[in-house]
Protein backbone atom coordinates (compact mmCIF):
# COMPACT_ATOMS: atom_id res chain seq x y z
CA UNK A 1 -27.59 0.93 -0.93
CA UNK A 2 -24.54 0.07 -2.99
CA UNK A 3 -21.05 1.36 -2.29
CA UNK A 4 -21.21 3.39 -5.49
CA UNK A 5 -24.44 5.05 -4.33
CA UNK A 6 -22.96 5.80 -0.90
CA UNK A 7 -19.91 7.39 -2.50
CA UNK A 8 -22.15 9.45 -4.79
CA UNK A 9 -24.15 10.69 -1.77
CA UNK A 10 -20.96 11.80 -0.01
CA UNK A 11 -19.70 13.47 -3.20
CA UNK A 12 -22.97 15.35 -3.56
CA UNK A 13 -22.89 16.47 0.06
CA UNK A 14 -19.29 17.64 -0.19
CA UNK A 15 -19.89 19.46 -3.47
CA UNK A 16 -22.95 21.30 -2.15
CA UNK A 17 -21.58 22.13 1.31
CA UNK A 18 -20.03 25.55 1.04
CA UNK A 19 -20.43 25.88 4.80
CA UNK A 20 -19.44 22.39 5.92
CA UNK A 21 -19.05 22.24 9.68
CA UNK A 22 -15.85 20.70 11.07
CA UNK A 23 -17.90 18.26 13.17
CA UNK A 24 -19.68 16.96 10.08
CA UNK A 25 -16.41 16.79 8.15
CA UNK A 26 -14.81 14.74 10.94
CA UNK A 27 -17.77 12.36 10.99
CA UNK A 28 -17.63 12.00 7.21
CA UNK A 29 -13.90 11.30 7.42
CA UNK A 30 -14.49 8.42 9.84
CA UNK A 31 -17.35 7.04 7.72
CA UNK A 32 -15.38 7.28 4.48
CA UNK A 33 -12.36 5.62 6.08
CA UNK A 34 -14.56 2.70 7.17
CA UNK A 35 -16.07 2.52 3.69
CA UNK A 36 -12.56 2.47 2.20
CA UNK A 37 -11.79 -0.63 4.23
CA UNK A 38 -14.81 -2.36 2.71
CA UNK A 39 -13.79 -1.26 -0.77
CA UNK A 40 -10.26 -2.61 -0.29
CA UNK A 41 -11.72 -5.96 0.74
CA UNK A 42 -13.94 -5.89 -2.35
CA UNK A 43 -10.92 -5.16 -4.55
CA UNK A 44 -9.16 -8.19 -3.09
CA UNK A 45 -12.17 -10.40 -3.80
CA UNK A 46 -12.67 -9.07 -7.32
CA UNK A 47 -8.95 -9.41 -8.06
CA UNK A 48 -9.22 -13.10 -7.19
CA UNK A 49 -12.24 -13.52 -9.46
CA UNK A 50 -10.45 -11.79 -12.30
CA UNK A 51 -7.35 -13.98 -11.80
CA UNK A 52 -9.55 -17.06 -12.22
CA UNK A 53 -10.92 -15.67 -15.50
CA UNK A 54 -7.39 -14.88 -16.66
CA UNK A 55 -6.16 -18.38 -15.81
CA UNK A 56 -9.04 -19.90 -17.75
CA UNK A 57 -8.29 -17.65 -20.71
CA UNK A 58 -4.61 -18.59 -20.57
CA UNK A 59 -5.59 -22.27 -20.72
CA UNK A 60 -7.81 -21.68 -23.76
CA UNK A 61 -5.70 -19.25 -25.79
CA UNK A 62 -2.43 -19.73 -27.64
CA UNK A 63 -0.85 -16.44 -26.59
CA UNK A 64 -0.74 -14.68 -23.23
CA UNK A 65 -1.54 -11.32 -24.83
CA UNK A 66 -4.70 -12.69 -26.43
CA UNK A 67 -5.71 -14.34 -23.15
CA UNK A 68 -5.23 -11.05 -21.29
CA UNK A 69 -7.35 -9.16 -23.82
CA UNK A 70 -10.06 -11.77 -23.55
CA UNK A 71 -9.97 -11.70 -19.74
CA UNK A 72 -10.10 -7.89 -19.69
CA UNK A 73 -13.27 -8.02 -21.75
CA UNK A 74 -15.00 -9.97 -18.97
CA UNK A 75 -17.51 -8.65 -16.46
CA UNK A 76 -15.14 -9.71 -13.68
CA UNK A 77 -12.48 -7.32 -14.96
CA UNK A 78 -15.02 -4.49 -15.29
CA UNK A 79 -16.09 -5.14 -11.68
CA UNK A 80 -12.47 -4.97 -10.57
CA UNK A 81 -11.99 -1.64 -12.35
CA UNK A 82 -15.15 -0.29 -10.73
CA UNK A 83 -13.88 -1.23 -7.27
CA UNK A 84 -10.47 0.32 -7.96
CA UNK A 85 -12.16 3.50 -9.18
CA UNK A 86 -14.26 3.64 -5.99
CA UNK A 87 -11.05 3.33 -3.97
CA UNK A 88 -9.46 6.25 -5.84
CA UNK A 89 -12.52 8.44 -5.33
CA UNK A 90 -12.60 7.59 -1.62
CA UNK A 91 -8.90 8.36 -1.30
CA UNK A 92 -9.35 11.81 -2.82
CA UNK A 93 -12.39 12.62 -0.67
CA UNK A 94 -10.50 11.53 2.45
CA UNK A 95 -7.53 13.70 1.46
CA UNK A 96 -9.83 16.65 0.87
CA UNK A 97 -11.52 16.25 4.23
CA UNK A 98 -8.17 15.96 6.01
CA UNK A 99 -6.99 19.15 4.34
CA UNK A 100 -10.25 20.92 5.25
CA UNK A 101 -9.98 19.86 8.89
CA UNK A 102 -6.31 20.86 9.07
CA UNK A 103 -7.15 24.33 7.70
CA UNK A 104 -10.04 24.71 10.14
CA UNK A 105 -7.73 23.72 13.00
CA UNK A 106 -5.20 26.37 11.98
CA UNK A 107 -7.97 28.94 11.59
CA UNK A 108 -9.34 28.09 15.03
CA UNK A 109 -5.90 28.41 16.66
CA UNK A 110 -5.26 31.75 14.98
CA UNK A 111 -8.66 33.11 16.04
CA UNK A 112 -8.32 31.96 19.63
CA UNK A 113 -5.46 34.37 20.36
């Protein structure tokens, strides 16, 4: 299972869970946080690959702007963008789960009195 597929599964579960339990939300938060660590490592690796492509393009082109355009047309750059996008999606899901858990905590405290 790819990272993209895992993220899609979590997105689907969150979107279809009108009655998400706090226990499940907490577990998802931990899992997504771990997945984010893997995605950040992947971004670092893909950034290095893209930098190599850019350096090669700079050696072969007369202008830096043309080299950058050429490097951004590479599969390595597309892979980097995909990893960055996955990181943004994970960040938003984590924020949403934190907000959900905070609201449930407040609700629980109010109902316990």
